[in-house]
Amino acid sequence: MLPIPITIILVLLGIIIFALRWIPKHFRLIKHRYMSDLKNDLEFNDRKKLNHVSFLSIGTIRNILIANSTNPSDYCTDIEPELKISQNDIDNKYDFMLNLKYSQEKNGDRKILYGFFHPYCNAGGGGEKVLWKAVETTLNRNDNNVVVIYTGDLGVTGKKILADVKKKFDYRLDESRIAFVYLKYRYLVDGKTWPHLTLIGQALGSIILSLEAIYRCQPDIWCDTMGYPFGYPAVSILTEVPIVTYTHYPVISTDMLNKLRLTPGGLSLKQCVKYVYWKLFMLMYQFTGTYVKIAITNSTWTNNHITKIWKHSKSRVIFPPCSTEKLIFNEAEWKRENNAIVLAQYRPEKRHDLIIKSFSEYLKRLDNVTGNDTIPKLIFIGSTRSQADKDYVEALSKEAYEKWEIPKSLLEIHTDCPYEDIIKYLHTSSFGINAMWNEHFGIAVVEYVAAGLIPLVHASAGPLLDIVVPWDLKLDQQAKTSSLDTLTGFFFKDPEDPDYETFKTHNTYPRLSDLFDTVSKLTNEEKFNISKRAKACAIIKFSDSKFDKDWVRYVLEVLEEDI
């Protein structure tokens, strides 16, 4: 006879397994019953009855209402959503019933709800640009495609969010086919909520947030464009809908494990525990990938990692929409100012201090600094999100002007510049610098090359593998080998790189201080040709139209075949 604790555990597991098998059937049963009632014109005008449906049925019924509504945006939820038929659908009762009739037919022309899970949809960053471009492409693909946005931006109306999208990204969306579903437990995926065991805490939080999302509205397709994979098993088991994921960077990577494992002098007890913790977390991460139908990544570097982690899922690269069409302009000759700009948020991982130190080393090797017009002027441009960022900028200023004694005429630091000023710097400067180690993509580098700047970038990840690649202007395609005729930019390595000694790549690439010397000797003709090749690469690989084509080909067409 089994011990009582083991018996209890087995009984609980049995109940959980039964529940997970029963819930999807319950969803389908409720959906069938409710659609039949509506079709038979029952309960249609009795809106109060909608508030007495079972707890598990709310998301399913909201799916029906949005999918058959003449104006899906009417069903945006509040923090405590009231489930009711919109006044618009009551006024247009027969159109609503006609939609319902067609959706129940075997080959009916029915609406499909694409649920985009992006709790920070109003943040306005590169990840949000991907989200809204995917939404635009999905809506433009078919008039029957409807988008549900799962967001935690409480207190911001859907109209305000879409107005911000138009202002910042210039994407024009059919607002009538977008419904916002607000999630009140977003704080559970915030790193600040979990000061200890952050990875596992955020993973648990993402599961709860995903459950809240499908409770409020069950989609027909789940699209995670932010990177919360631990909710996939729950969503897949409970709703049986296909899962699409756009991964900007892996939650945990083999680089993290290797960096810890290769610690000089061996691992301490604390580091050993941390390694085991990360290893177990990696196994959990691998498990989540078995529920993914379509895996999309933003870069070759990310794709290489995801392929190793999610071995059962064939992932594809779709580069982020970088709007390179709007940055590129024609130049007949090289007339740019001798400026080297650094466009990056003021965060330590962007390694501004390394750039300052390298620039100082370069200057010290010169016989004459004053009046030397071959020396590029270094200009830092970036945003500050908090007081900590402002303190970081202050520390950089002291380091540059006091510690390394760099003349202010050769180095400027700007914070929170207007967009118009940033564009001016991009269109008039000569060089763009990115020093981040293993940046998964590098949208700032794409902006550099699209605007005509010559990139000086760290030889790793996105900039190395995808952006600053050899380009053949005659064939208008990426060249197989790099030469003077295919060069689009320059790379560097530094002893501060975590993998500098391990991978022995420092013999292949110079240090940044040496690179300053190299580019200062370029002729205007050489600069012009490098810039021309880089711009041609940017417009073909990273335009919004390229993202459109790839999203349709690798996501929408695949899903449409199944539907």
Protein backbone atom coordinates (compact mmCIF):
# COMPACT_ATOMS: atom_id res chain seq x y z
CA MET A 1 0.00 0.00 0.00
CA LEU A 2 1.31 3.48 -0.93
CA PRO A 3 2.18 5.96 1.85
CA ILE A 4 -0.51 8.58 2.49
CA PRO A 5 1.57 11.61 1.22
CA ILE A 6 2.33 9.86 -2.10
CA THR A 7 -1.32 8.83 -2.46
CA ILE A 8 -2.44 12.42 -1.92
CA ILE A 9 0.07 13.67 -4.51
CA LEU A 10 -1.10 11.09 -7.07
CA VAL A 11 -4.74 12.01 -6.47
CA LEU A 12 -3.95 15.70 -6.93
CA LEU A 13 -2.05 14.98 -10.14
CA GLY A 14 -5.00 12.95 -11.39
CA ILE A 15 -7.38 15.84 -10.67
CA ILE A 16 -5.08 18.29 -12.47
CA ILE A 17 -4.75 16.03 -15.52
CA PHE A 18 -8.52 15.53 -15.63
CA ALA A 19 -9.11 19.28 -15.33
CA LEU A 20 -6.66 20.06 -18.12
CA ARG A 21 -8.40 17.55 -20.38
CA TRP A 22 -11.87 18.72 -19.41
CA ILE A 23 -11.46 22.48 -19.67
CA PRO A 24 -10.90 22.63 -23.48
CA LYS A 25 -13.98 20.46 -23.97
CA HIS A 26 -15.89 22.78 -21.65
CA PHE A 27 -14.79 25.80 -23.74
CA ARG A 28 -16.01 24.15 -26.97
CA LEU A 29 -19.29 23.07 -25.37
CA ILE A 30 -20.02 26.56 -24.03
CA LYS A 31 -19.09 28.11 -27.37
CA HIS A 32 -21.45 25.77 -29.25
CA ARG A 33 -24.32 26.29 -26.83
CA TYR A 34 -23.98 30.05 -26.68
CA MET A 35 -23.69 30.46 -30.45
CA SER A 36 -26.78 28.26 -30.89
CA ASP A 37 -28.70 30.42 -28.40
CA LEU A 38 -27.71 33.59 -30.21
CA LYS A 39 -28.55 32.09 -33.58
CA ASN A 40 -32.00 31.19 -32.30
CA ASP A 41 -32.39 34.77 -31.07
CA LEU A 42 -32.41 33.72 -27.40
CA GLU A 43 -30.96 35.98 -24.68
CA PHE A 44 -29.94 38.50 -27.32
CA ASN A 45 -31.66 41.46 -25.75
CA ASP A 46 -31.36 40.21 -22.18
CA ARG A 47 -27.88 41.63 -21.62
CA LYS A 48 -27.91 41.01 -17.85
CA LYS A 49 -27.79 37.26 -18.32
CA LEU A 50 -24.31 37.61 -19.78
CA ASN A 51 -23.02 38.58 -16.36
CA HIS A 52 -24.07 35.25 -14.86
CA VAL A 53 -22.09 32.91 -17.06
CA SER A 54 -19.62 30.56 -15.41
CA PHE A 55 -16.16 31.81 -14.46
CA LEU A 56 -14.47 29.63 -17.10
CA SER A 57 -16.78 30.76 -19.89
CA ILE A 58 -16.06 34.51 -19.91
CA GLY A 59 -13.09 34.31 -22.28
CA THR A 60 -14.92 31.95 -24.63
CA ILE A 61 -18.03 34.12 -24.86
CA ARG A 62 -16.00 37.30 -25.38
CA ASN A 63 -14.34 35.48 -28.28
CA ILE A 64 -17.78 34.89 -29.83
CA LEU A 65 -18.87 38.49 -29.34
CA ILE A 66 -15.67 39.97 -30.85
CA ALA A 67 -15.58 37.49 -33.74
CA ASN A 68 -19.16 38.24 -34.80
CA SER A 69 -19.38 41.92 -33.94
CA THR A 70 -19.80 44.54 -36.64
CA ASN A 71 -17.28 46.62 -34.63
CA PRO A 72 -14.89 44.40 -32.61
CA SER A 73 -13.24 47.36 -30.87
CA ASP A 74 -16.45 47.78 -28.84
CA TYR A 75 -15.34 44.85 -26.72
CA CYS A 76 -12.26 46.39 -25.14
CA THR A 77 -12.27 45.35 -21.50
CA ASP A 78 -11.76 47.37 -18.35
CA ILE A 79 -9.85 46.20 -15.24
CA GLU A 80 -13.01 44.39 -14.10
CA PRO A 81 -14.65 43.64 -17.44
CA GLU A 82 -18.39 43.60 -17.75
CA LEU A 83 -19.47 40.95 -20.22
CA LYS A 84 -22.24 42.33 -22.38
CA ILE A 85 -23.35 42.75 -25.95
CA SER A 86 -22.39 46.19 -27.25
CA GLN A 87 -25.05 48.72 -28.06
CA ASN A 88 -23.70 48.86 -31.61
CA ASP A 89 -24.43 45.14 -32.12
CA ILE A 90 -27.90 45.49 -30.61
CA ASP A 91 -28.63 48.34 -33.01
CA ASN A 92 -27.26 46.22 -35.90
CA LYS A 93 -28.81 42.99 -34.73
CA TYR A 94 -29.34 41.43 -38.15
CA ASP A 95 -25.74 42.05 -39.28
CA PHE A 96 -24.56 40.43 -36.07
CA MET A 97 -26.83 37.41 -36.67
CA LEU A 98 -25.68 37.15 -40.28
CA ASN A 99 -22.04 37.07 -39.16
CA LEU A 100 -22.95 34.37 -36.67
CA LYS A 101 -24.65 32.29 -39.34
CA TYR A 102 -21.64 32.41 -41.69
CA SER A 103 -19.18 31.64 -38.91
CA GLN A 104 -21.03 28.40 -38.08
CA GLU A 105 -20.99 27.10 -41.62
CA LYS A 106 -18.23 24.62 -42.46
CA ASN A 107 -16.67 26.82 -45.12
CA GLY A 108 -17.99 30.04 -43.67
CA ASP A 109 -16.15 33.31 -44.10
CA ARG A 110 -15.48 33.83 -40.39
CA LYS A 111 -13.36 36.25 -38.43
CA ILE A 112 -10.12 35.01 -36.86
CA LEU A 113 -8.93 36.47 -33.55
CA TYR A 114 -5.15 36.97 -33.45
CA GLY A 115 -4.28 37.47 -29.80
CA PHE A 116 -1.05 39.49 -29.42
CA PHE A 117 0.35 39.03 -25.92
CA HIS A 118 2.39 42.17 -25.24
CA PRO A 119 1.84 43.46 -21.68
CA TYR A 120 3.93 46.60 -22.33
CA CYS A 121 2.40 47.49 -25.70
CA ASN A 122 2.57 51.26 -25.05
CA ALA A 123 6.28 51.37 -24.16
CA GLY A 124 7.27 52.79 -27.55
CA GLY A 125 10.50 50.82 -28.03
CA GLY A 126 11.86 48.53 -30.72
CA GLY A 127 9.86 45.56 -29.45
CA GLU A 128 6.66 47.58 -29.71
CA LYS A 129 7.58 48.61 -33.26
CA VAL A 130 7.67 44.91 -34.16
CA LEU A 131 4.30 44.36 -32.44
CA TRP A 132 2.48 47.14 -34.25
CA LYS A 133 3.98 46.35 -37.64
CA ALA A 134 2.88 42.71 -37.20
CA VAL A 135 -0.60 43.96 -36.25
CA GLU A 136 -0.75 46.23 -39.30
CA THR A 137 0.35 43.41 -41.62
CA THR A 138 -2.12 40.96 -40.07
CA LEU A 139 -5.05 43.36 -40.47
CA ASN A 140 -4.09 44.27 -44.04
CA ARG A 141 -3.84 40.61 -45.00
CA ASN A 142 -7.56 39.88 -44.64
CA ASP A 143 -10.62 41.93 -43.70
CA ASN A 144 -11.74 39.03 -41.48
CA ASN A 145 -8.61 39.18 -39.33
CA VAL A 146 -9.27 40.76 -35.93
CA VAL A 147 -6.55 41.62 -33.42
CA VAL A 148 -6.81 41.33 -29.65
CA ILE A 149 -4.05 43.14 -27.74
CA TYR A 150 -3.35 41.82 -24.23
CA THR A 151 -1.84 44.75 -22.34
CA GLY A 152 -1.11 45.79 -18.79
CA ASP A 153 -1.14 49.51 -19.58
CA LEU A 154 -4.01 50.24 -17.21
CA GLY A 155 -5.39 53.73 -17.32
CA VAL A 156 -4.47 54.28 -20.99
CA THR A 157 -7.35 53.98 -23.43
CA GLY A 158 -7.09 52.02 -26.64
CA LYS A 159 -7.58 55.22 -28.64
CA LYS A 160 -4.66 56.87 -26.84
CA ILE A 161 -2.41 53.84 -27.41
CA LEU A 162 -3.22 53.78 -31.13
CA ALA A 163 -2.70 57.55 -31.38
CA ASP A 164 0.76 57.08 -29.86
CA VAL A 165 1.47 54.30 -32.39
CA LYS A 166 0.59 56.60 -35.27
CA LYS A 167 2.68 59.46 -33.84
CA LYS A 168 5.78 57.41 -33.04
CA PHE A 169 5.82 54.73 -35.74
CA ASP A 170 3.52 56.21 -38.41
CA TYR A 171 1.55 52.96 -38.71
CA ARG A 172 -2.06 53.42 -39.77
CA LEU A 173 -4.29 50.75 -38.29
CA ASP A 174 -7.94 49.82 -38.70
CA GLU A 175 -9.00 50.70 -35.14
CA SER A 176 -12.42 49.06 -35.55
CA ARG A 177 -10.75 45.62 -35.73
CA ILE A 178 -8.54 46.02 -32.66
CA ALA A 179 -9.81 45.12 -29.18
CA PHE A 180 -7.71 45.79 -26.09
CA VAL A 181 -7.88 43.34 -23.21
CA TYR A 182 -6.44 44.84 -20.04
CA LEU A 183 -4.48 42.71 -17.57
CA LYS A 184 -4.20 43.81 -13.95
CA TYR A 185 -1.44 41.38 -12.88
CA ARG A 186 1.34 42.76 -15.10
CA TYR A 187 3.43 43.59 -12.05
CA LEU A 188 4.05 39.86 -11.68
CA VAL A 189 6.40 39.92 -14.70
CA ASP A 190 8.26 43.01 -13.49
CA GLY A 191 11.78 42.22 -12.26
CA LYS A 192 11.28 44.60 -9.32
CA THR A 193 8.55 42.30 -7.98
CA TRP A 194 11.11 39.52 -7.64
CA PRO A 195 14.31 40.89 -6.02
CA HIS A 196 15.44 37.29 -5.42
CA LEU A 197 15.16 34.32 -7.79
CA THR A 198 14.09 36.79 -10.48
CA LEU A 199 14.09 34.34 -13.39
CA ILE A 200 11.79 31.82 -11.75
CA GLY A 201 9.64 34.58 -10.27
CA GLN A 202 9.04 36.21 -13.65
CA ALA A 203 8.37 32.80 -15.19
CA LEU A 204 5.68 32.10 -12.60
CA GLY A 205 4.28 35.60 -13.10
CA SER A 206 4.08 35.10 -16.87
CA ILE A 207 2.07 31.90 -16.37
CA ILE A 208 -0.46 33.74 -14.17
CA LEU A 209 -0.62 36.64 -16.62
CA SER A 210 -1.20 34.29 -19.54
CA LEU A 211 -4.01 32.57 -17.64
CA GLU A 212 -5.56 35.96 -16.90
CA ALA A 213 -5.40 36.79 -20.62
CA ILE A 214 -7.25 33.68 -21.80
CA TYR A 215 -9.73 34.03 -18.93
CA ARG A 216 -10.64 37.50 -20.18
CA CYS A 217 -10.65 36.59 -23.89
CA GLN A 218 -9.74 33.36 -25.62
CA PRO A 219 -8.05 33.98 -28.99
CA ASP A 220 -8.00 31.75 -32.07
CA ILE A 221 -4.22 32.23 -32.39
CA TRP A 222 -1.79 33.17 -29.61
CA CYS A 223 1.04 35.50 -30.71
CA ASP A 224 3.66 36.32 -28.09
CA THR A 225 5.70 39.27 -29.38
CA MET A 226 7.40 40.12 -26.10
CA GLY A 227 8.98 36.91 -24.86
CA TYR A 228 7.04 35.17 -22.07
CA PRO A 229 7.43 31.48 -23.00
CA PHE A 230 6.46 29.90 -19.69
CA GLY A 231 2.81 30.60 -20.34
CA TYR A 232 2.80 28.56 -23.57
CA PRO A 233 2.01 25.13 -22.01
CA ALA A 234 -0.97 26.52 -20.10
CA VAL A 235 -2.33 28.41 -23.12
CA SER A 236 -1.85 25.44 -25.45
CA ILE A 237 -3.40 22.85 -23.11
CA LEU A 238 -6.35 24.99 -22.05
CA THR A 239 -7.28 26.52 -25.42
CA GLU A 240 -5.73 24.18 -28.01
CA VAL A 241 -4.86 27.18 -30.22
CA PRO A 242 -1.63 27.46 -32.27
CA ILE A 243 1.17 29.45 -30.61
CA VAL A 244 3.34 31.89 -32.55
CA THR A 245 6.33 33.48 -30.85
CA TYR A 246 8.60 36.34 -31.92
CA THR A 247 11.73 36.08 -29.78
CA HIS A 248 13.93 39.16 -29.41
CA TYR A 249 16.41 37.33 -27.19
CA PRO A 250 16.35 34.05 -25.26
CA VAL A 251 15.22 34.20 -21.63
CA ILE A 252 18.37 32.26 -20.77
CA SER A 253 21.15 31.30 -23.16
CA THR A 254 24.10 28.97 -23.36
CA ASP A 255 26.28 32.10 -23.27
CA MET A 256 25.08 32.80 -19.73
CA LEU A 257 25.86 29.25 -18.64
CA ASN A 258 29.26 29.23 -20.36
CA LYS A 259 30.21 32.63 -18.93
CA LEU A 260 29.57 31.31 -15.42
CA ARG A 261 31.12 27.90 -16.06
CA LEU A 262 34.32 29.44 -17.44
CA THR A 263 34.87 31.73 -14.42
CA PRO A 264 38.66 32.09 -13.86
CA GLY A 265 39.82 30.13 -10.80
CA GLY A 266 36.82 27.82 -10.76
CA LEU A 267 33.34 28.17 -9.25
CA SER A 268 32.64 29.03 -5.64
CA LEU A 269 29.86 27.24 -3.75
CA LYS A 270 27.50 30.15 -4.43
CA GLN A 271 28.35 30.07 -8.14
CA CYS A 272 27.84 26.29 -8.25
CA VAL A 273 24.34 26.71 -6.79
CA LYS A 274 23.67 29.48 -9.30
CA TYR A 275 24.85 27.27 -12.17
CA VAL A 276 22.55 24.42 -11.11
CA TYR A 277 19.66 26.92 -10.77
CA TRP A 278 20.29 28.26 -14.29
CA LYS A 279 20.66 24.75 -15.70
CA LEU A 280 17.30 23.66 -14.27
CA PHE A 281 15.74 26.86 -15.58
CA MET A 282 17.16 26.08 -19.02
CA LEU A 283 15.49 22.64 -18.95
CA MET A 284 12.15 24.32 -18.18
CA TYR A 285 12.73 26.77 -21.01
CA GLN A 286 13.41 23.91 -23.41
CA PHE A 287 10.12 22.27 -22.39
CA THR A 288 8.08 25.37 -23.25
CA GLY A 289 9.31 25.23 -26.86
CA THR A 290 7.50 21.94 -27.48
CA TYR A 291 4.21 23.89 -27.51
CA VAL A 292 5.29 26.41 -30.17
CA LYS A 293 3.90 26.00 -33.69
CA ILE A 294 5.77 28.88 -35.36
CA ALA A 295 8.99 30.24 -33.86
CA ILE A 296 10.28 33.53 -35.24
CA THR A 297 13.47 35.28 -34.10
CA ASN A 298 14.82 38.76 -34.75
CA SER A 299 18.42 37.89 -35.69
CA THR A 300 20.81 35.11 -36.65
CA TRP A 301 22.40 35.19 -33.18
CA THR A 302 19.04 34.76 -31.44
CA ASN A 303 18.01 32.13 -33.95
CA ASN A 304 21.18 30.10 -33.34
CA HIS A 305 20.43 30.05 -29.61
CA ILE A 306 16.72 29.28 -30.00
CA THR A 307 17.53 26.44 -32.40
CA LYS A 308 19.77 24.89 -29.75
CA ILE A 309 17.20 25.39 -26.99
CA TRP A 310 13.97 24.52 -28.84
CA LYS A 311 15.27 21.58 -30.86
CA HIS A 312 11.76 20.41 -31.80
CA SER A 313 10.77 23.78 -33.28
CA LYS A 314 12.13 25.00 -36.60
CA SER A 315 12.66 28.72 -36.13
CA ARG A 316 13.06 31.38 -38.82
CA VAL A 317 14.56 34.85 -38.80
CA ILE A 318 12.38 37.86 -39.58
CA PHE A 319 14.39 41.01 -39.09
CA PRO A 320 12.61 43.81 -37.19
CA PRO A 321 10.95 46.52 -39.27
CA CYS A 322 13.48 49.36 -39.07
CA SER A 323 11.75 51.83 -41.42
CA THR A 324 14.99 52.18 -43.38
CA GLU A 325 12.94 53.60 -46.27
CA LYS A 326 12.44 56.78 -44.22
CA LEU A 327 16.12 57.23 -43.27
CA ILE A 328 17.85 56.68 -46.60
CA PHE A 329 18.52 59.70 -48.81
CA ASN A 330 20.66 60.10 -51.93
CA GLU A 331 24.12 61.65 -51.73
CA ALA A 332 26.15 62.50 -54.83
CA GLU A 333 29.41 62.89 -52.88
CA TRP A 334 30.82 62.82 -49.35
CA LYS A 335 30.22 66.15 -47.58
CA ARG A 336 29.58 64.96 -44.04
CA GLU A 337 31.00 66.38 -40.83
CA ASN A 338 33.79 64.42 -39.15
CA ASN A 339 31.62 63.28 -36.22
CA ALA A 340 31.36 59.83 -34.65
CA ILE A 341 28.01 59.46 -32.88
CA VAL A 342 26.96 56.92 -30.26
CA LEU A 343 23.18 56.47 -30.36
CA ALA A 344 22.21 54.33 -27.34
CA GLN A 345 20.26 54.48 -24.11
CA TYR A 346 22.41 55.44 -21.15
CA ARG A 347 22.83 52.01 -19.60
CA PRO A 348 26.07 50.29 -18.46
CA GLU A 349 25.66 47.39 -20.91
CA LYS A 350 26.02 49.86 -23.80
CA ARG A 351 29.62 50.34 -22.61
CA HIS A 352 29.96 54.10 -23.06
CA ASP A 353 32.91 53.99 -20.68
CA LEU A 354 34.80 51.64 -23.03
CA ILE A 355 34.26 54.05 -25.93
CA ILE A 356 35.52 56.99 -23.84
CA LYS A 357 38.59 55.06 -22.67
CA SER A 358 39.40 53.88 -26.22
CA PHE A 359 38.99 57.41 -27.60
CA SER A 360 41.35 58.71 -24.91
CA GLU A 361 43.96 56.07 -25.79
CA TYR A 362 43.70 57.06 -29.45
CA LEU A 363 44.16 60.75 -28.66
CA LYS A 364 47.20 60.13 -26.45
CA ARG A 365 49.03 58.44 -29.34
CA LEU A 366 48.70 61.55 -31.50
CA ASP A 367 51.44 64.20 -31.58
CA ASN A 368 49.00 67.06 -31.99
CA VAL A 369 45.35 67.07 -30.94
CA THR A 370 44.50 70.75 -31.17
CA GLY A 371 43.63 71.77 -34.69
CA ASN A 372 43.89 68.24 -36.11
CA ASP A 373 40.85 67.99 -38.40
CA THR A 374 41.37 64.26 -39.06
CA ILE A 375 40.25 63.47 -35.48
CA PRO A 376 36.54 62.57 -35.40
CA LYS A 377 34.47 64.39 -32.81
CA LEU A 378 32.76 61.95 -30.42
CA ILE A 379 29.07 62.69 -29.73
CA PHE A 380 26.95 60.65 -27.28
CA ILE A 381 23.18 60.75 -27.82
CA GLY A 382 20.74 58.79 -25.66
CA SER A 383 17.68 58.77 -23.46
CA THR A 384 17.51 58.59 -19.67
CA ARG A 385 14.67 56.64 -18.04
CA SER A 386 15.37 57.29 -14.37
CA GLN A 387 17.56 59.09 -11.87
CA ALA A 388 19.96 56.14 -12.01
CA ASP A 389 20.44 56.79 -15.74
CA LYS A 390 21.09 60.48 -15.06
CA ASP A 391 23.66 59.57 -12.41
CA TYR A 392 25.28 57.27 -14.96
CA VAL A 393 25.56 60.18 -17.44
CA GLU A 394 27.12 62.37 -14.75
CA ALA A 395 29.69 59.66 -14.00
CA LEU A 396 30.53 59.40 -17.72
CA SER A 397 31.07 63.16 -17.90
CA LYS A 398 33.51 63.09 -15.01
CA GLU A 399 35.32 60.12 -16.48
CA ALA A 400 35.69 61.79 -19.89
CA TYR A 401 36.61 65.34 -18.87
CA GLU A 402 38.34 64.83 -15.52
CA LYS A 403 39.84 61.33 -15.47
CA TRP A 404 40.89 61.05 -19.13
CA GLU A 405 41.10 64.82 -19.75
CA ILE A 406 39.44 64.69 -23.17
CA PRO A 407 38.90 68.22 -24.56
CA LYS A 408 35.24 69.25 -24.60
CA SER A 409 35.73 70.34 -28.19
CA LEU A 410 36.22 66.67 -29.10
CA LEU A 411 33.50 65.04 -26.98
CA GLU A 412 29.86 66.00 -26.37
CA ILE A 413 27.20 64.26 -24.27
CA HIS A 414 23.51 64.87 -25.07
CA THR A 415 20.48 63.44 -23.27
CA ASP A 416 16.87 63.06 -24.39
CA CYS A 417 17.30 64.81 -27.74
CA PRO A 418 14.23 65.57 -29.86
CA TYR A 419 13.73 63.18 -32.77
CA GLU A 420 14.46 65.97 -35.27
CA ASP A 421 17.90 66.54 -33.74
CA ILE A 422 18.69 62.82 -33.84
CA ILE A 423 17.81 62.68 -37.55
CA LYS A 424 20.06 65.68 -38.17
CA TYR A 425 23.01 63.96 -36.48
CA LEU A 426 22.33 60.77 -38.47
CA HIS A 427 22.27 62.62 -41.78
CA THR A 428 25.32 64.84 -41.20
CA SER A 429 27.79 62.67 -39.23
CA SER A 430 30.37 60.26 -40.65
CA PHE A 431 30.59 57.37 -38.19
CA GLY A 432 28.30 55.45 -35.83
CA ILE A 433 29.64 53.45 -32.87
CA ASN A 434 28.10 50.50 -31.04
CA ALA A 435 30.19 48.86 -28.29
CA MET A 436 27.67 46.49 -26.71
CA TRP A 437 28.85 42.90 -26.34
CA ASN A 438 26.53 40.29 -27.89
CA GLU A 439 23.72 42.69 -28.73
CA HIS A 440 21.10 40.32 -30.10
CA PHE A 441 20.20 42.62 -33.01
CA GLY A 442 21.19 46.29 -32.91
CA ILE A 443 18.53 48.57 -34.36
CA ALA A 444 20.75 51.62 -33.75
CA VAL A 445 23.36 50.08 -36.07
CA VAL A 446 20.70 49.62 -38.77
CA GLU A 447 19.78 53.29 -38.35
CA TYR A 448 23.46 54.19 -38.73
CA VAL A 449 23.91 52.40 -42.05
CA ALA A 450 20.50 53.40 -43.43
CA ALA A 451 21.29 57.05 -42.77
CA GLY A 452 24.70 56.75 -44.45
CA LEU A 453 27.00 56.50 -41.43
CA ILE A 454 30.01 54.17 -41.46
CA PRO A 455 29.52 51.73 -38.55
CA LEU A 456 32.28 50.97 -36.02
CA VAL A 457 30.79 48.08 -34.09
CA HIS A 458 31.66 45.31 -31.69
CA ALA A 459 32.37 42.02 -33.48
CA SER A 460 29.55 39.95 -32.01
CA ALA A 461 25.91 38.89 -32.43
CA GLY A 462 23.57 40.99 -34.59
CA PRO A 463 25.99 43.66 -35.88
CA LEU A 464 28.54 40.99 -36.89
CA LEU A 465 26.20 38.32 -38.29
CA ASP A 466 23.37 40.35 -39.85
CA ILE A 467 23.94 44.08 -40.26
CA VAL A 468 27.54 45.01 -41.11
CA VAL A 469 27.95 42.28 -43.70
CA PRO A 470 29.85 42.30 -47.02
CA TRP A 471 27.65 43.57 -49.84
CA ASP A 472 27.92 43.18 -53.60
CA LEU A 473 26.50 46.31 -55.25
CA LYS A 474 26.49 44.80 -58.73
CA LEU A 475 24.41 41.78 -57.73
CA ASP A 476 22.57 43.78 -55.05
CA GLN A 477 22.96 40.98 -52.51
CA GLN A 478 25.11 39.90 -49.59
CA ALA A 479 28.59 38.82 -50.72
CA LYS A 480 30.11 35.52 -49.65
CA THR A 481 33.47 37.03 -48.69
CA SER A 482 34.62 40.38 -47.36
CA SER A 483 37.00 42.56 -49.39
CA LEU A 484 37.74 46.21 -50.06
CA ASP A 485 35.03 46.12 -52.74
CA THR A 486 32.33 44.70 -50.41
CA LEU A 487 33.22 46.45 -47.11
CA THR A 488 30.26 48.04 -45.28
CA GLY A 489 31.85 48.91 -41.92
CA PHE A 490 34.46 48.06 -39.29
CA PHE A 491 34.64 45.73 -36.28
CA PHE A 492 36.57 45.73 -33.02
CA LYS A 493 37.17 43.60 -29.94
CA ASP A 494 38.40 44.57 -26.49
CA PRO A 495 40.13 42.78 -23.57
CA GLU A 496 37.10 43.68 -21.43
CA ASP A 497 34.93 41.29 -23.50
CA PRO A 498 33.85 38.28 -21.40
CA ASP A 499 34.92 35.92 -24.21
CA TYR A 500 38.09 37.80 -25.25
CA GLU A 501 40.56 35.12 -24.16
CA THR A 502 38.24 32.12 -24.41
CA PHE A 503 37.41 32.39 -28.10
CA LYS A 504 40.72 33.89 -29.25
CA THR A 505 38.99 36.31 -31.62
CA HIS A 506 41.15 39.27 -30.56
CA ASN A 507 43.73 38.28 -33.17
CA THR A 508 41.16 38.80 -35.93
CA TYR A 509 39.81 42.22 -34.94
CA PRO A 510 41.56 45.40 -33.74
CA ARG A 511 40.72 47.32 -30.58
CA LEU A 512 38.49 50.37 -30.85
CA SER A 513 41.39 52.74 -30.11
CA ASP A 514 43.19 51.35 -33.19
CA LEU A 515 40.01 51.59 -35.24
CA PHE A 516 39.77 55.34 -34.57
CA ASP A 517 43.18 55.69 -36.13
CA THR A 518 42.19 53.55 -39.15
CA VAL A 519 38.99 55.43 -40.05
CA SER A 520 40.59 58.85 -39.54
CA LYS A 521 42.82 58.05 -42.54
CA LEU A 522 39.99 57.11 -44.93
CA THR A 523 39.58 59.27 -48.03
CA ASN A 524 36.22 60.83 -48.85
CA GLU A 525 35.87 58.47 -51.82
CA GLU A 526 36.45 55.42 -49.59
CA LYS A 527 33.90 56.69 -47.06
CA PHE A 528 31.35 57.33 -49.80
CA ASN A 529 31.69 53.81 -51.28
CA ILE A 530 31.46 52.09 -47.88
CA SER A 531 28.37 54.13 -47.03
CA LYS A 532 26.75 53.40 -50.40
CA ARG A 533 27.12 49.62 -49.96
CA ALA A 534 25.83 49.71 -46.37
CA LYS A 535 22.73 51.70 -47.39
CA ALA A 536 21.93 49.21 -50.16
CA CYS A 537 22.12 46.37 -47.62
CA ALA A 538 19.86 48.21 -45.14
CA ILE A 539 17.08 48.96 -47.60
CA ILE A 540 16.85 45.35 -48.77
CA LYS A 541 17.23 43.50 -45.46
CA PHE A 542 15.64 45.75 -42.83
CA SER A 543 12.83 47.73 -44.45
CA ASP A 544 9.23 47.66 -43.26
CA SER A 545 8.17 46.16 -46.59
CA LYS A 546 10.60 43.25 -46.10
CA PHE A 547 9.04 42.57 -42.68
CA ASP A 548 5.58 42.63 -44.32
CA LYS A 549 6.53 39.99 -46.88
CA ASP A 550 8.25 37.73 -44.34
CA TRP A 551 5.42 37.96 -41.77
CA VAL A 552 2.90 36.98 -44.45
CA ARG A 553 5.06 34.16 -45.80
CA TYR A 554 6.29 32.55 -42.60
CA VAL A 555 3.39 33.28 -40.23
CA LEU A 556 0.07 34.20 -41.82
CA GLU A 557 0.18 31.83 -44.80
CA VAL A 558 1.18 28.91 -42.56
CA LEU A 559 -1.67 29.64 -40.14
CA GLU A 560 -4.18 30.11 -42.96
CA GLU A 561 -3.39 26.64 -44.29
CA ASP A 562 -4.33 25.14 -40.92
CA ILE A 563 -7.44 27.29 -40.51
